[in-house]
N, C-alpha and C. Protein backbone atom coordinates (compact mmCIF):
# COMPACT_ATOMS: atom_id res chain seq x y z
N MET A 1 -6.98 -20.32 -14.13
CA MET A 1 -6.51 -19.25 -15.00
C MET A 1 -5.20 -19.65 -15.67
N ASN A 2 -4.98 -19.13 -16.84
CA ASN A 2 -3.78 -19.50 -17.56
C ASN A 2 -2.66 -18.49 -17.40
N GLY A 3 -2.92 -17.41 -16.62
CA GLY A 3 -1.87 -16.44 -16.37
C GLY A 3 -1.76 -15.36 -17.41
N ARG A 4 -2.46 -15.52 -18.54
CA ARG A 4 -2.41 -14.49 -19.57
C ARG A 4 -3.40 -13.39 -19.25
N GLN A 5 -3.04 -12.17 -19.58
CA GLN A 5 -3.94 -11.05 -19.37
C GLN A 5 -4.59 -10.68 -20.69
N SER A 6 -5.88 -10.33 -20.62
CA SER A 6 -6.54 -9.89 -21.83
C SER A 6 -6.12 -8.45 -22.13
N VAL A 7 -6.42 -8.02 -23.32
CA VAL A 7 -6.07 -6.66 -23.73
C VAL A 7 -6.77 -5.65 -22.84
N GLN A 8 -7.95 -6.01 -22.32
CA GLN A 8 -8.74 -5.08 -21.52
C GLN A 8 -8.26 -4.99 -20.08
N ASP A 9 -7.39 -5.88 -19.63
CA ASP A 9 -6.92 -5.84 -18.25
C ASP A 9 -6.19 -4.53 -17.98
N GLN A 10 -6.43 -4.00 -16.79
CA GLN A 10 -5.80 -2.75 -16.39
C GLN A 10 -4.52 -3.06 -15.61
N PRO A 11 -3.67 -2.07 -15.43
CA PRO A 11 -2.45 -2.29 -14.64
C PRO A 11 -2.80 -2.83 -13.25
N THR A 12 -1.94 -3.67 -12.72
CA THR A 12 -2.23 -4.33 -11.45
C THR A 12 -2.07 -3.39 -10.27
N ASP A 13 -1.57 -2.17 -10.46
CA ASP A 13 -1.43 -1.25 -9.33
C ASP A 13 -2.77 -0.57 -8.99
N GLU A 14 -3.81 -0.89 -9.72
CA GLU A 14 -5.13 -0.35 -9.43
C GLU A 14 -5.81 -1.23 -8.39
N THR A 15 -6.38 -0.60 -7.37
CA THR A 15 -7.11 -1.37 -6.37
C THR A 15 -8.49 -1.71 -6.92
N PRO A 16 -9.15 -2.70 -6.35
CA PRO A 16 -10.51 -3.02 -6.79
C PRO A 16 -11.43 -1.80 -6.71
N GLN A 17 -11.29 -0.99 -5.67
CA GLN A 17 -12.13 0.20 -5.54
C GLN A 17 -11.84 1.18 -6.67
N GLN A 18 -10.58 1.36 -7.04
CA GLN A 18 -10.24 2.26 -8.14
C GLN A 18 -10.81 1.76 -9.45
N ILE A 19 -10.80 0.44 -9.64
CA ILE A 19 -11.36 -0.14 -10.85
C ILE A 19 -12.86 0.15 -10.91
N VAL A 20 -13.54 -0.09 -9.79
CA VAL A 20 -14.99 0.15 -9.75
C VAL A 20 -15.29 1.62 -9.99
N GLU A 21 -14.51 2.51 -9.37
CA GLU A 21 -14.74 3.95 -9.55
C GLU A 21 -14.52 4.36 -11.00
N ARG A 22 -13.48 3.82 -11.63
CA ARG A 22 -13.21 4.15 -13.03
C ARG A 22 -14.35 3.66 -13.93
N GLU A 23 -14.78 2.42 -13.68
CA GLU A 23 -15.87 1.87 -14.48
C GLU A 23 -17.17 2.64 -14.25
N LEU A 24 -17.40 3.06 -13.00
CA LEU A 24 -18.60 3.85 -12.68
C LEU A 24 -18.56 5.19 -13.42
N GLN A 25 -17.41 5.83 -13.43
CA GLN A 25 -17.29 7.10 -14.15
C GLN A 25 -17.55 6.92 -15.63
N ALA A 26 -17.04 5.84 -16.19
CA ALA A 26 -17.26 5.57 -17.62
C ALA A 26 -18.74 5.33 -17.89
N ALA A 27 -19.40 4.59 -17.01
CA ALA A 27 -20.82 4.32 -17.18
C ALA A 27 -21.64 5.61 -17.04
N GLN A 28 -21.27 6.46 -16.09
CA GLN A 28 -21.98 7.73 -15.91
C GLN A 28 -21.83 8.61 -17.14
N GLU A 29 -20.65 8.63 -17.72
CA GLU A 29 -20.42 9.43 -18.92
C GLU A 29 -21.26 8.89 -20.08
N GLN A 30 -21.35 7.57 -20.18
CA GLN A 30 -22.17 6.99 -21.24
C GLN A 30 -23.64 7.36 -21.05
N VAL A 31 -24.11 7.33 -19.80
CA VAL A 31 -25.50 7.72 -19.51
C VAL A 31 -25.71 9.18 -19.89
N ARG A 32 -24.74 10.04 -19.58
CA ARG A 32 -24.87 11.47 -19.94
C ARG A 32 -24.99 11.65 -21.46
N ARG A 33 -24.16 10.90 -22.20
CA ARG A 33 -24.22 11.02 -23.67
C ARG A 33 -25.55 10.56 -24.21
N VAL A 34 -26.04 9.42 -23.71
CA VAL A 34 -27.33 8.90 -24.18
C VAL A 34 -28.45 9.86 -23.80
N ALA A 35 -28.42 10.40 -22.60
CA ALA A 35 -29.44 11.34 -22.16
C ALA A 35 -29.44 12.58 -23.05
N ALA A 36 -28.26 13.07 -23.40
CA ALA A 36 -28.17 14.24 -24.27
C ALA A 36 -28.75 13.93 -25.64
N GLU A 37 -28.48 12.73 -26.16
CA GLU A 37 -29.05 12.34 -27.46
C GLU A 37 -30.57 12.25 -27.38
N LEU A 38 -31.08 11.70 -26.29
CA LEU A 38 -32.53 11.60 -26.12
C LEU A 38 -33.17 12.99 -26.04
N ARG A 39 -32.54 13.88 -25.26
CA ARG A 39 -33.08 15.25 -25.15
C ARG A 39 -33.10 15.93 -26.51
N ALA A 40 -32.04 15.76 -27.27
CA ALA A 40 -31.98 16.37 -28.60
C ALA A 40 -33.07 15.79 -29.50
N GLY A 41 -33.28 14.50 -29.42
CA GLY A 41 -34.32 13.87 -30.23
C GLY A 41 -35.70 14.34 -29.83
N LEU A 42 -35.95 14.45 -28.53
CA LEU A 42 -37.25 14.92 -28.06
C LEU A 42 -37.48 16.38 -28.46
N ALA A 43 -36.44 17.18 -28.39
CA ALA A 43 -36.56 18.59 -28.79
C ALA A 43 -36.90 18.68 -30.28
N GLU A 44 -36.28 17.83 -31.09
CA GLU A 44 -36.57 17.81 -32.52
C GLU A 44 -38.01 17.37 -32.75
N ASP A 45 -38.46 16.35 -32.02
CA ASP A 45 -39.86 15.91 -32.14
C ASP A 45 -40.81 17.05 -31.78
N ASP A 46 -40.51 17.77 -30.70
CA ASP A 46 -41.36 18.90 -30.29
C ASP A 46 -41.38 19.97 -31.37
N ARG A 47 -40.22 20.25 -31.95
CA ARG A 47 -40.14 21.26 -33.00
C ARG A 47 -40.99 20.86 -34.21
N LEU A 48 -40.86 19.61 -34.62
CA LEU A 48 -41.62 19.14 -35.77
C LEU A 48 -43.12 19.14 -35.48
N ALA A 49 -43.51 18.77 -34.28
CA ALA A 49 -44.93 18.78 -33.91
C ALA A 49 -45.46 20.21 -33.91
N ALA A 50 -44.68 21.16 -33.43
CA ALA A 50 -45.10 22.56 -33.43
C ALA A 50 -45.26 23.06 -34.87
N GLU A 51 -44.37 22.66 -35.76
CA GLU A 51 -44.50 23.05 -37.18
C GLU A 51 -45.78 22.48 -37.76
N GLU A 52 -46.09 21.25 -37.45
CA GLU A 52 -47.31 20.63 -37.97
C GLU A 52 -48.55 21.35 -37.44
N ARG A 53 -48.53 21.71 -36.14
CA ARG A 53 -49.67 22.44 -35.58
C ARG A 53 -49.80 23.81 -36.23
N ALA A 54 -48.67 24.45 -36.50
CA ALA A 54 -48.70 25.77 -37.13
C ALA A 54 -49.28 25.66 -38.55
N LYS A 55 -48.96 24.61 -39.25
CA LYS A 55 -49.50 24.42 -40.61
C LYS A 55 -51.01 24.24 -40.54
N GLY A 56 -51.50 23.53 -39.53
CA GLY A 56 -52.91 23.27 -39.40
C GLY A 56 -53.72 24.51 -39.04
N GLU A 57 -53.06 25.51 -38.49
CA GLU A 57 -53.77 26.73 -38.07
C GLU A 57 -54.01 27.66 -39.23
N HIS A 58 -53.34 27.49 -40.34
CA HIS A 58 -53.50 28.41 -41.47
C HIS A 58 -54.66 28.03 -42.34
């Protein structure tokens, strides 16, 4: 190692467990956001499919 820290390095007072917990929380939040986007997309697909079925019934 050259002793330089990257911009992404966190303060050294963080324990390895704290780093892992922080990264886990960030990953969980990202999963929540993606899941919400998927649910919204599926709901829109369902809505559009229902509209198409309704058009076919007339």
